[in-house]
Amino acid sequence: MKKQSPQIDIEKVAKLANLALKAEEKATFQKQLEEIINYVSQLGNIDTDNVEPIGHITGLENITRSDEAGPSLSQEDALLNAPKTHNGFFKVDAILEE
């Protein structure tokens, strides 16, 4: 016995997707969307009573690298390619008006 197809308001879907659809496109998409929804609704028939929910499949938790200081640029090297500097700092144009 075939399930009754869900009613899809193709006009609303097209408006939400900002699509201007012709009449034949609306009919095509109506049929396709109904088929997709019917296919996905089959997931409701799967017995998941004994399936434990998972957040991810690796089982790893809180995997981080150690926070170790490493070599960095000197102030002089960091400012080497800066278009503008002032007293050992990057100089940028103001982005806010007073």
PDB file of N, CA and C in Angstrom:
ATOM      1  N   MET A   1       0.846  -1.184   0.000  1.00  0.00           N
ATOM      2  CA  MET A   1       0.000   0.000   0.000  1.00  0.00           C
ATOM      3  C   MET A   1       0.889   1.244   0.000  1.00  0.00           C
ATOM      4  N   LYS A   2       0.689   2.107  -0.956  1.00  0.00           N
ATOM      5  CA  LYS A   2       1.504   3.306  -1.090  1.00  0.00           C
ATOM      6  C   LYS A   2       1.010   4.402  -0.157  1.00  0.00           C
ATOM      7  N   LYS A   3       1.960   5.048   0.506  1.00  0.00           N
ATOM      8  CA  LYS A   3       1.605   6.157   1.386  1.00  0.00           C
ATOM      9  C   LYS A   3       1.102   7.326   0.561  1.00  0.00           C
ATOM     10  N   GLN A   4       0.232   8.105   1.163  1.00  0.00           N
ATOM     11  CA  GLN A   4      -0.259   9.292   0.482  1.00  0.00           C
ATOM     12  C   GLN A   4       0.848  10.335   0.459  1.00  0.00           C
ATOM     13  N   SER A   5       1.041  10.944  -0.687  1.00  0.00           N
ATOM     14  CA  SER A   5       2.093  11.947  -0.834  1.00  0.00           C
ATOM     15  C   SER A   5       1.780  13.172   0.010  1.00  0.00           C
ATOM     16  N   PRO A   6       2.814  13.773   0.601  1.00  0.00           N
ATOM     17  CA  PRO A   6       2.594  14.981   1.394  1.00  0.00           C
ATOM     18  C   PRO A   6       2.209  16.146   0.479  1.00  0.00           C
ATOM     19  N   GLN A   7       1.456  17.056   1.004  1.00  0.00           N
ATOM     20  CA  GLN A   7       1.089  18.244   0.228  1.00  0.00           C
ATOM     21  C   GLN A   7       2.207  19.262   0.357  1.00  0.00           C
ATOM     22  N   ILE A   8       2.756  19.648  -0.765  1.00  0.00           N
ATOM     23  CA  ILE A   8       3.839  20.619  -0.774  1.00  0.00           C
ATOM     24  C   ILE A   8       3.334  21.878  -1.458  1.00  0.00           C
ATOM     25  N   ASP A   9       3.491  22.992  -0.781  1.00  0.00           N
ATOM     26  CA  ASP A   9       3.119  24.278  -1.371  1.00  0.00           C
ATOM     27  C   ASP A   9       4.300  24.758  -2.207  1.00  0.00           C
ATOM     28  N   ILE A  10       4.311  24.366  -3.475  1.00  0.00           N
ATOM     29  CA  ILE A  10       5.442  24.660  -4.350  1.00  0.00           C
ATOM     30  C   ILE A  10       5.619  26.163  -4.538  1.00  0.00           C
ATOM     31  N   GLU A  11       4.538  26.907  -4.474  1.00  0.00           N
ATOM     32  CA  GLU A  11       4.628  28.372  -4.575  1.00  0.00           C
ATOM     33  C   GLU A  11       5.449  28.934  -3.425  1.00  0.00           C
ATOM     34  N   LYS A  12       5.174  28.439  -2.218  1.00  0.00           N
ATOM     35  CA  LYS A  12       5.886  28.917  -1.036  1.00  0.00           C
ATOM     36  C   LYS A  12       7.358  28.510  -1.095  1.00  0.00           C
ATOM     37  N   VAL A  13       7.606  27.270  -1.499  1.00  0.00           N
ATOM     38  CA  VAL A  13       8.986  26.794  -1.603  1.00  0.00           C
ATOM     39  C   VAL A  13       9.756  27.632  -2.614  1.00  0.00           C
ATOM     40  N   ALA A  14       9.137  27.908  -3.762  1.00  0.00           N
ATOM     41  CA  ALA A  14       9.784  28.715  -4.793  1.00  0.00           C
ATOM     42  C   ALA A  14      10.056  30.128  -4.281  1.00  0.00           C
ATOM     43  N   LYS A  15       9.117  30.679  -3.534  1.00  0.00           N
ATOM     44  CA  LYS A  15       9.311  32.029  -2.993  1.00  0.00           C
ATOM     45  C   LYS A  15      10.455  32.042  -1.978  1.00  0.00           C
ATOM     46  N   LEU A  16      10.497  31.029  -1.101  1.00  0.00           N
ATOM     47  CA  LEU A  16      11.566  30.955  -0.105  1.00  0.00           C
ATOM     48  C   LEU A  16      12.930  30.789  -0.771  1.00  0.00           C
ATOM     49  N   ALA A  17      12.967  30.072  -1.890  1.00  0.00           N
ATOM     50  CA  ALA A  17      14.218  29.852  -2.608  1.00  0.00           C
ATOM     51  C   ALA A  17      14.497  30.965  -3.610  1.00  0.00           C
ATOM     52  N   ASN A  18      13.606  31.933  -3.669  1.00  0.00           N
ATOM     53  CA  ASN A  18      13.741  33.067  -4.581  1.00  0.00           C
ATOM     54  C   ASN A  18      13.872  32.586  -6.028  1.00  0.00           C
ATOM     55  N   LEU A  19      12.966  31.663  -6.414  1.00  0.00           N
ATOM     56  CA  LEU A  19      12.962  31.114  -7.762  1.00  0.00           C
ATOM     57  C   LEU A  19      11.694  31.540  -8.494  1.00  0.00           C
ATOM     58  N   ALA A  20      11.866  31.970  -9.715  1.00  0.00           N
ATOM     59  CA  ALA A  20      10.727  32.264 -10.579  1.00  0.00           C
ATOM     60  C   ALA A  20      10.528  31.034 -11.454  1.00  0.00           C
ATOM     61  N   LEU A  21       9.491  30.252 -11.164  1.00  0.00           N
ATOM     62  CA  LEU A  21       9.279  28.996 -11.864  1.00  0.00           C
ATOM     63  C   LEU A  21       8.127  29.106 -12.853  1.00  0.00           C
ATOM     64  N   LYS A  22       8.307  28.462 -14.002  1.00  0.00           N
ATOM     65  CA  LYS A  22       7.234  28.348 -14.984  1.00  0.00           C
ATOM     66  C   LYS A  22       6.299  27.231 -14.532  1.00  0.00           C
ATOM     67  N   ALA A  23       5.116  27.171 -15.121  1.00  0.00           N
ATOM     68  CA  ALA A  23       4.113  26.184 -14.721  1.00  0.00           C
ATOM     69  C   ALA A  23       4.641  24.758 -14.847  1.00  0.00           C
ATOM     70  N   GLU A  24       5.326  24.449 -15.958  1.00  0.00           N
ATOM     71  CA  GLU A  24       5.833  23.078 -16.139  1.00  0.00           C
ATOM     72  C   GLU A  24       6.946  22.759 -15.138  1.00  0.00           C
ATOM     73  N   GLU A  25       7.733  23.774 -14.754  1.00  0.00           N
ATOM     74  CA  GLU A  25       8.776  23.576 -13.745  1.00  0.00           C
ATOM     75  C   GLU A  25       8.149  23.309 -12.380  1.00  0.00           C
ATOM     76  N   LYS A  26       7.074  24.032 -12.075  1.00  0.00           N
ATOM     77  CA  LYS A  26       6.384  23.821 -10.800  1.00  0.00           C
ATOM     78  C   LYS A  26       5.869  22.393 -10.702  1.00  0.00           C
ATOM     79  N   ALA A  27       5.293  21.896 -11.777  1.00  0.00           N
ATOM     80  CA  ALA A  27       4.763  20.533 -11.774  1.00  0.00           C
ATOM     81  C   ALA A  27       5.895  19.519 -11.599  1.00  0.00           C
ATOM     82  N   THR A  28       7.006  19.747 -12.303  1.00  0.00           N
ATOM     83  CA  THR A  28       8.158  18.842 -12.199  1.00  0.00           C
ATOM     84  C   THR A  28       8.717  18.836 -10.781  1.00  0.00           C
ATOM     85  N   PHE A  29       8.943  20.027 -10.233  1.00  0.00           N
ATOM     86  CA  PHE A  29       9.523  20.127  -8.898  1.00  0.00           C
ATOM     87  C   PHE A  29       8.572  19.615  -7.825  1.00  0.00           C
ATOM     88  N   GLN A  30       7.267  19.823  -8.030  1.00  0.00           N
ATOM     89  CA  GLN A  30       6.270  19.306  -7.089  1.00  0.00           C
ATOM     90  C   GLN A  30       6.424  17.798  -6.981  1.00  0.00           C
ATOM     91  N   LYS A  31       6.489  17.130  -8.125  1.00  0.00           N
ATOM     92  CA  LYS A  31       6.613  15.676  -8.161  1.00  0.00           C
ATOM     93  C   LYS A  31       7.941  15.234  -7.536  1.00  0.00           C
ATOM     94  N   GLN A  32       9.025  15.917  -7.881  1.00  0.00           N
ATOM     95  CA  GLN A  32      10.339  15.554  -7.356  1.00  0.00           C
ATOM     96  C   GLN A  32      10.418  15.729  -5.845  1.00  0.00           C
ATOM     97  N   LEU A  33       9.884  16.830  -5.340  1.00  0.00           N
ATOM     98  CA  LEU A  33       9.910  17.070  -3.894  1.00  0.00           C
ATOM     99  C   LEU A  33       9.083  16.030  -3.143  1.00  0.00           C
ATOM    100  N   GLU A  34       7.954  15.649  -3.699  1.00  0.00           N
ATOM    101  CA  GLU A  34       7.134  14.619  -3.067  1.00  0.00           C
ATOM    102  C   GLU A  34       7.888  13.296  -3.024  1.00  0.00           C
ATOM    103  N   GLU A  35       8.590  12.950  -4.110  1.00  0.00           N
ATOM    104  CA  GLU A  35       9.369  11.718  -4.145  1.00  0.00           C
ATOM    105  C   GLU A  35      10.497  11.753  -3.117  1.00  0.00           C
ATOM    106  N   ILE A  36      11.147  12.887  -2.992  1.00  0.00           N
ATOM    107  CA  ILE A  36      12.241  13.028  -2.021  1.00  0.00           C
ATOM    108  C   ILE A  36      11.716  12.865  -0.599  1.00  0.00           C
ATOM    109  N   ILE A  37      10.624  13.531  -0.291  1.00  0.00           N
ATOM    110  CA  ILE A  37      10.056  13.457   1.059  1.00  0.00           C
ATOM    111  C   ILE A  37       9.591  12.040   1.368  1.00  0.00           C
ATOM    112  N   ASN A  38       8.968  11.375   0.384  1.00  0.00           N
ATOM    113  CA  ASN A  38       8.544   9.985   0.593  1.00  0.00           C
ATOM    114  C   ASN A  38       9.750   9.089   0.835  1.00  0.00           C
ATOM    115  N   TYR A  39      10.815   9.298   0.107  1.00  0.00           N
ATOM    116  CA  TYR A  39      12.023   8.486   0.273  1.00  0.00           C
ATOM    117  C   TYR A  39      12.638   8.702   1.658  1.00  0.00           C
ATOM    118  N   VAL A  40      12.778   9.958   2.061  1.00  0.00           N
ATOM    119  CA  VAL A  40      13.377  10.265   3.362  1.00  0.00           C
ATOM    120  C   VAL A  40      12.477   9.790   4.497  1.00  0.00           C
ATOM    121  N   SER A  41      11.172   9.792   4.290  1.00  0.00           N
ATOM    122  CA  SER A  41      10.258   9.356   5.350  1.00  0.00           C
ATOM    123  C   SER A  41      10.408   7.872   5.661  1.00  0.00           C
ATOM    124  N   GLN A  42      11.054   7.116   4.772  1.00  0.00           N
ATOM    125  CA  GLN A  42      11.305   5.707   5.033  1.00  0.00           C
ATOM    126  C   GLN A  42      12.218   5.530   6.252  1.00  0.00           C
ATOM    127  N   LEU A  43      12.979   6.551   6.596  1.00  0.00           N
ATOM    128  CA  LEU A  43      13.841   6.474   7.778  1.00  0.00           C
ATOM    129  C   LEU A  43      13.015   6.256   9.041  1.00  0.00           C
ATOM    130  N   GLY A  44      11.784   6.721   9.036  1.00  0.00           N
ATOM    131  CA  GLY A  44      10.911   6.534  10.191  1.00  0.00           C
ATOM    132  C   GLY A  44      10.542   5.081  10.429  1.00  0.00           C
ATOM    133  N   ASN A  45      10.727   4.218   9.427  1.00  0.00           N
ATOM    134  CA  ASN A  45      10.392   2.800   9.559  1.00  0.00           C
ATOM    135  C   ASN A  45      11.537   1.970  10.128  1.00  0.00           C
ATOM    136  N   ILE A  46      12.685   2.580  10.324  1.00  0.00           N
ATOM    137  CA  ILE A  46      13.858   1.861  10.820  1.00  0.00           C
ATOM    138  C   ILE A  46      13.782   1.736  12.338  1.00  0.00           C
ATOM    139  N   ASP A  47      14.045   0.516  12.823  1.00  0.00           N
ATOM    140  CA  ASP A  47      14.030   0.265  14.267  1.00  0.00           C
ATOM    141  C   ASP A  47      15.350   0.750  14.870  1.00  0.00           C
ATOM    142  N   THR A  48      15.294   1.794  15.655  1.00  0.00           N
ATOM    143  CA  THR A  48      16.501   2.362  16.279  1.00  0.00           C
ATOM    144  C   THR A  48      16.459   2.234  17.802  1.00  0.00           C
ATOM    145  N   ASP A  49      15.617   1.342  18.308  1.00  0.00           N
ATOM    146  CA  ASP A  49      15.469   1.206  19.763  1.00  0.00           C
ATOM    147  C   ASP A  49      16.774   0.816  20.446  1.00  0.00           C
ATOM    148  N   ASN A  50      17.564  -0.042  19.831  1.00  0.00           N
ATOM    149  CA  ASN A  50      18.796  -0.520  20.466  1.00  0.00           C
ATOM    150  C   ASN A  50      20.042   0.150  19.914  1.00  0.00           C
ATOM    151  N   VAL A  51      19.879   1.302  19.297  1.00  0.00           N
ATOM    152  CA  VAL A  51      21.015   2.029  18.734  1.00  0.00           C
ATOM    153  C   VAL A  51      21.355   3.186  19.660  1.00  0.00           C
ATOM    154  N   GLU A  52      22.601   3.206  20.104  1.00  0.00           N
ATOM    155  CA  GLU A  52      23.042   4.258  21.010  1.00  0.00           C
ATOM    156  C   GLU A  52      23.367   5.524  20.209  1.00  0.00           C
ATOM    157  N   PRO A  53      22.840   6.679  20.613  1.00  0.00           N
ATOM    158  CA  PRO A  53      23.150   7.917  19.895  1.00  0.00           C
ATOM    159  C   PRO A  53      24.624   8.278  20.032  1.00  0.00           C
ATOM    160  N   ILE A  54      25.192   8.829  18.981  1.00  0.00           N
ATOM    161  CA  ILE A  54      26.593   9.250  19.017  1.00  0.00           C
ATOM    162  C   ILE A  54      26.715  10.666  18.473  1.00  0.00           C
ATOM    163  N   GLY A  55      27.713  11.362  18.954  1.00  0.00           N
ATOM    164  CA  GLY A  55      27.993  12.704  18.459  1.00  0.00           C
ATOM    165  C   GLY A  55      28.968  12.669  17.307  1.00  0.00           C
ATOM    166  N   HIS A  56      29.894  11.701  17.370  1.00  0.00           N
ATOM    167  CA  HIS A  56      30.851  11.491  16.285  1.00  0.00           C
ATOM    168  C   HIS A  56      31.343  10.060  16.373  1.00  0.00           C
ATOM    169  N   ILE A  57      31.977   9.588  15.318  1.00  0.00           N
ATOM    170  CA  ILE A  57      32.282   8.167  15.255  1.00  0.00           C
ATOM    171  C   ILE A  57      33.678   7.797  15.739  1.00  0.00           C
ATOM    172  N   THR A  58      34.530   8.772  16.012  1.00  0.00           N
ATOM    173  CA  THR A  58      35.912   8.443  16.357  1.00  0.00           C
ATOM    174  C   THR A  58      36.088   8.015  17.804  1.00  0.00           C
ATOM    175  N   GLY A  59      35.248   8.475  18.705  1.00  0.00           N
ATOM    176  CA  GLY A  59      35.397   8.149  20.115  1.00  0.00           C
ATOM    177  C   GLY A  59      36.440   9.005  20.820  1.00  0.00           C
ATOM    178  N   LEU A  60      37.092   9.889  20.088  1.00  0.00           N
ATOM    179  CA  LEU A  60      38.115  10.737  20.688  1.00  0.00           C
ATOM    180  C   LEU A  60      37.458  11.914  21.407  1.00  0.00           C
ATOM    181  N   GLU A  61      38.067  12.315  22.513  1.00  0.00           N
ATOM    182  CA  GLU A  61      37.548  13.453  23.264  1.00  0.00           C
ATOM    183  C   GLU A  61      38.683  14.400  23.621  1.00  0.00           C
ATOM    184  N   ASN A  62      38.430  15.679  23.500  1.00  0.00           N
ATOM    185  CA  ASN A  62      39.363  16.724  23.920  1.00  0.00           C
ATOM    186  C   ASN A  62      40.783  16.493  23.395  1.00  0.00           C
ATOM    187  N   ILE A  63      40.901  16.280  22.125  1.00  0.00           N
ATOM    188  CA  ILE A  63      42.214  16.080  21.519  1.00  0.00           C
ATOM    189  C   ILE A  63      42.790  17.446  21.183  1.00  0.00           C
ATOM    190  N   THR A  64      43.825  17.830  21.897  1.00  0.00           N
ATOM    191  CA  THR A  64      44.495  19.109  21.653  1.00  0.00           C
ATOM    192  C   THR A  64      45.990  18.900  21.705  1.00  0.00           C
ATOM    193  N   ARG A  65      46.697  19.800  21.101  1.00  0.00           N
ATOM    194  CA  ARG A  65      48.150  19.718  21.169  1.00  0.00           C
ATOM    195  C   ARG A  65      48.621  20.481  22.408  1.00  0.00           C
ATOM    196  N   SER A  66      49.810  20.173  22.852  1.00  0.00           N
ATOM    197  CA  SER A  66      50.338  20.889  24.012  1.00  0.00           C
ATOM    198  C   SER A  66      50.684  22.314  23.587  1.00  0.00           C
ATOM    199  N   ASP A  67      50.521  23.230  24.501  1.00  0.00           N
ATOM    200  CA  ASP A  67      50.766  24.636  24.229  1.00  0.00           C
ATOM    201  C   ASP A  67      52.212  24.952  24.601  1.00  0.00           C
ATOM    202  N   GLU A  68      53.069  24.893  23.606  1.00  0.00           N
ATOM    203  CA  GLU A  68      54.484  25.133  23.851  1.00  0.00           C
ATOM    204  C   GLU A  68      54.939  26.355  23.070  1.00  0.00           C
ATOM    205  N   ALA A  69      55.714  27.196  23.727  1.00  0.00           N
ATOM    206  CA  ALA A  69      56.246  28.373  23.054  1.00  0.00           C
ATOM    207  C   ALA A  69      57.288  27.946  22.036  1.00  0.00           C
ATOM    208  N   GLY A  70      57.276  28.604  20.893  1.00  0.00           N
ATOM    209  CA  GLY A  70      58.243  28.311  19.848  1.00  0.00           C
ATOM    210  C   GLY A  70      58.892  29.596  19.381  1.00  0.00           C
ATOM    211  N   PRO A  71      59.789  29.482  18.450  1.00  0.00           N
ATOM    212  CA  PRO A  71      60.458  30.688  17.957  1.00  0.00           C
ATOM    213  C   PRO A  71      59.465  31.603  17.244  1.00  0.00           C
ATOM    214  N   SER A  72      59.684  32.892  17.384  1.00  0.00           N
ATOM    215  CA  SER A  72      58.807  33.853  16.722  1.00  0.00           C
ATOM    216  C   SER A  72      59.660  34.941  16.083  1.00  0.00           C
ATOM    217  N   LEU A  73      58.995  35.828  15.386  1.00  0.00           N
ATOM    218  CA  LEU A  73      59.699  36.920  14.721  1.00  0.00           C
ATOM    219  C   LEU A  73      60.140  37.972  15.729  1.00  0.00           C
ATOM    220  N   SER A  74      61.231  38.598  15.431  1.00  0.00           N
ATOM    221  CA  SER A  74      61.619  39.762  16.236  1.00  0.00           C
ATOM    222  C   SER A  74      60.705  40.910  15.825  1.00  0.00           C
ATOM    223  N   GLN A  75      60.645  41.946  16.651  1.00  0.00           N
ATOM    224  CA  GLN A  75      59.805  43.093  16.339  1.00  0.00           C
ATOM    225  C   GLN A  75      60.262  43.714  15.018  1.00  0.00           C
ATOM    226  N   GLU A  76      61.533  43.783  14.824  1.00  0.00           N
ATOM    227  CA  GLU A  76      62.089  44.367  13.600  1.00  0.00           C
ATOM    228  C   GLU A  76      61.668  43.557  12.369  1.00  0.00           C
ATOM    229  N   ASP A  77      61.762  42.220  12.453  1.00  0.00           N
ATOM    230  CA  ASP A  77      61.360  41.369  11.332  1.00  0.00           C
ATOM    231  C   ASP A  77      59.859  41.455  11.058  1.00  0.00           C
ATOM    232  N   ALA A  78      59.059  41.542  12.121  1.00  0.00           N
ATOM    233  CA  ALA A  78      57.617  41.617  11.959  1.00  0.00           C
ATOM    234  C   ALA A  78      57.209  42.903  11.251  1.00  0.00           C
ATOM    235  N   LEU A  79      57.932  43.973  11.493  1.00  0.00           N
ATOM    236  CA  LEU A  79      57.591  45.274  10.897  1.00  0.00           C
ATOM    237  C   LEU A  79      58.268  45.500   9.542  1.00  0.00           C
ATOM    238  N   LEU A  80      59.080  44.559   9.128  1.00  0.00           N
ATOM    239  CA  LEU A  80      59.891  44.729   7.928  1.00  0.00           C
ATOM    240  C   LEU A  80      59.072  45.083   6.687  1.00  0.00           C
ATOM    241  N   ASN A  81      57.955  44.438   6.445  1.00  0.00           N
ATOM    242  CA  ASN A  81      57.152  44.685   5.249  1.00  0.00           C
ATOM    243  C   ASN A  81      55.923  45.548   5.506  1.00  0.00           C
ATOM    244  N   ALA A  82      55.815  46.126   6.682  1.00  0.00           N
ATOM    245  CA  ALA A  82      54.662  46.962   6.992  1.00  0.00           C
ATOM    246  C   ALA A  82      54.728  48.249   6.179  1.00  0.00           C
ATOM    247  N   PRO A  83      53.619  48.659   5.571  1.00  0.00           N
ATOM    248  CA  PRO A  83      53.636  49.892   4.798  1.00  0.00           C
ATOM    249  C   PRO A  83      53.923  51.129   5.655  1.00  0.00           C
ATOM    250  N   LYS A  84      53.422  51.122   6.900  1.00  0.00           N
ATOM    251  CA  LYS A  84      53.648  52.263   7.794  1.00  0.00           C
ATOM    252  C   LYS A  84      53.944  51.743   9.198  1.00  0.00           C
ATOM    253  N   THR A  85      54.893  52.366   9.869  1.00  0.00           N
ATOM    254  CA  THR A  85      55.184  52.032  11.264  1.00  0.00           C
ATOM    255  C   THR A  85      55.362  53.324  12.048  1.00  0.00           C
ATOM    256  N   HIS A  86      55.232  53.206  13.384  1.00  0.00           N
ATOM    257  CA  HIS A  86      55.435  54.353  14.261  1.00  0.00           C
ATOM    258  C   HIS A  86      55.916  53.836  15.606  1.00  0.00           C
ATOM    259  N   ASN A  87      57.111  54.227  16.017  1.00  0.00           N
ATOM    260  CA  ASN A  87      57.690  53.840  17.306  1.00  0.00           C
ATOM    261  C   ASN A  87      57.652  52.325  17.536  1.00  0.00           C
ATOM    262  N   GLY A  88      57.957  51.544  16.515  1.00  0.00           N
ATOM    263  CA  GLY A  88      58.025  50.097  16.664  1.00  0.00           C
ATOM    264  C   GLY A  88      56.683  49.376  16.600  1.00  0.00           C
ATOM    265  N   PHE A  89      55.645  50.039  16.088  1.00  0.00           N
ATOM    266  CA  PHE A  89      54.321  49.427  15.969  1.00  0.00           C
ATOM    267  C   PHE A  89      53.814  49.588  14.544  1.00  0.00           C
ATOM    268  N   PHE A  90      52.837  48.761  14.173  1.00  0.00           N
ATOM    269  CA  PHE A  90      52.156  48.940  12.898  1.00  0.00           C
ATOM    270  C   PHE A  90      51.330  50.210  12.984  1.00  0.00           C
ATOM    271  N   LYS A  91      51.329  50.994  11.918  1.00  0.00           N
ATOM    272  CA  LYS A  91      50.506  52.194  11.879  1.00  0.00           C
ATOM    273  C   LYS A  91      49.444  51.985  10.813  1.00  0.00           C
ATOM    274  N   VAL A  92      48.194  52.173  11.216  1.00  0.00           N
ATOM    275  CA  VAL A  92      47.068  51.990  10.280  1.00  0.00           C
ATOM    276  C   VAL A  92      46.226  53.249  10.282  1.00  0.00           C
ATOM    277  N   ASP A  93      45.505  53.446   9.191  1.00  0.00           N
ATOM    278  CA  ASP A  93      44.610  54.588   9.117  1.00  0.00           C
ATOM    279  C   ASP A  93      43.413  54.351  10.032  1.00  0.00           C
ATOM    280  N   ALA A  94      42.862  55.429  10.540  1.00  0.00           N
ATOM    281  CA  ALA A  94      41.691  55.331  11.421  1.00  0.00           C
ATOM    282  C   ALA A  94      40.517  54.764  10.648  1.00  0.00           C
ATOM    283  N   ILE A  95      39.760  53.897  11.308  1.00  0.00           N
ATOM    284  CA  ILE A  95      38.588  53.334  10.647  1.00  0.00           C
ATOM    285  C   ILE A  95      37.292  53.858  11.261  1.00  0.00           C
ATOM    286  N   LEU A  96      37.386  54.551  12.352  1.00  0.00           N
ATOM    287  CA  LEU A  96      36.211  55.123  13.002  1.00  0.00           C
ATOM    288  C   LEU A  96      36.291  56.628  12.948  1.00  0.00           C
ATOM    289  N   GLU A  97      35.127  57.241  12.771  1.00  0.00           N
ATOM    290  CA  GLU A  97      35.082  58.707  12.778  1.00  0.00           C
ATOM    291  C   GLU A  97      34.726  59.172  14.170  1.00  0.00           C
ATOM    292  N   GLU A  98      35.165  60.376  14.500  1.00  0.00           N
ATOM    293  CA  GLU A  98      34.842  60.925  15.815  1.00  0.00           C
ATOM    294  C   GLU A  98      33.509  61.580  15.794  1.00  0.00           C
TER     295      GLU A  98
END
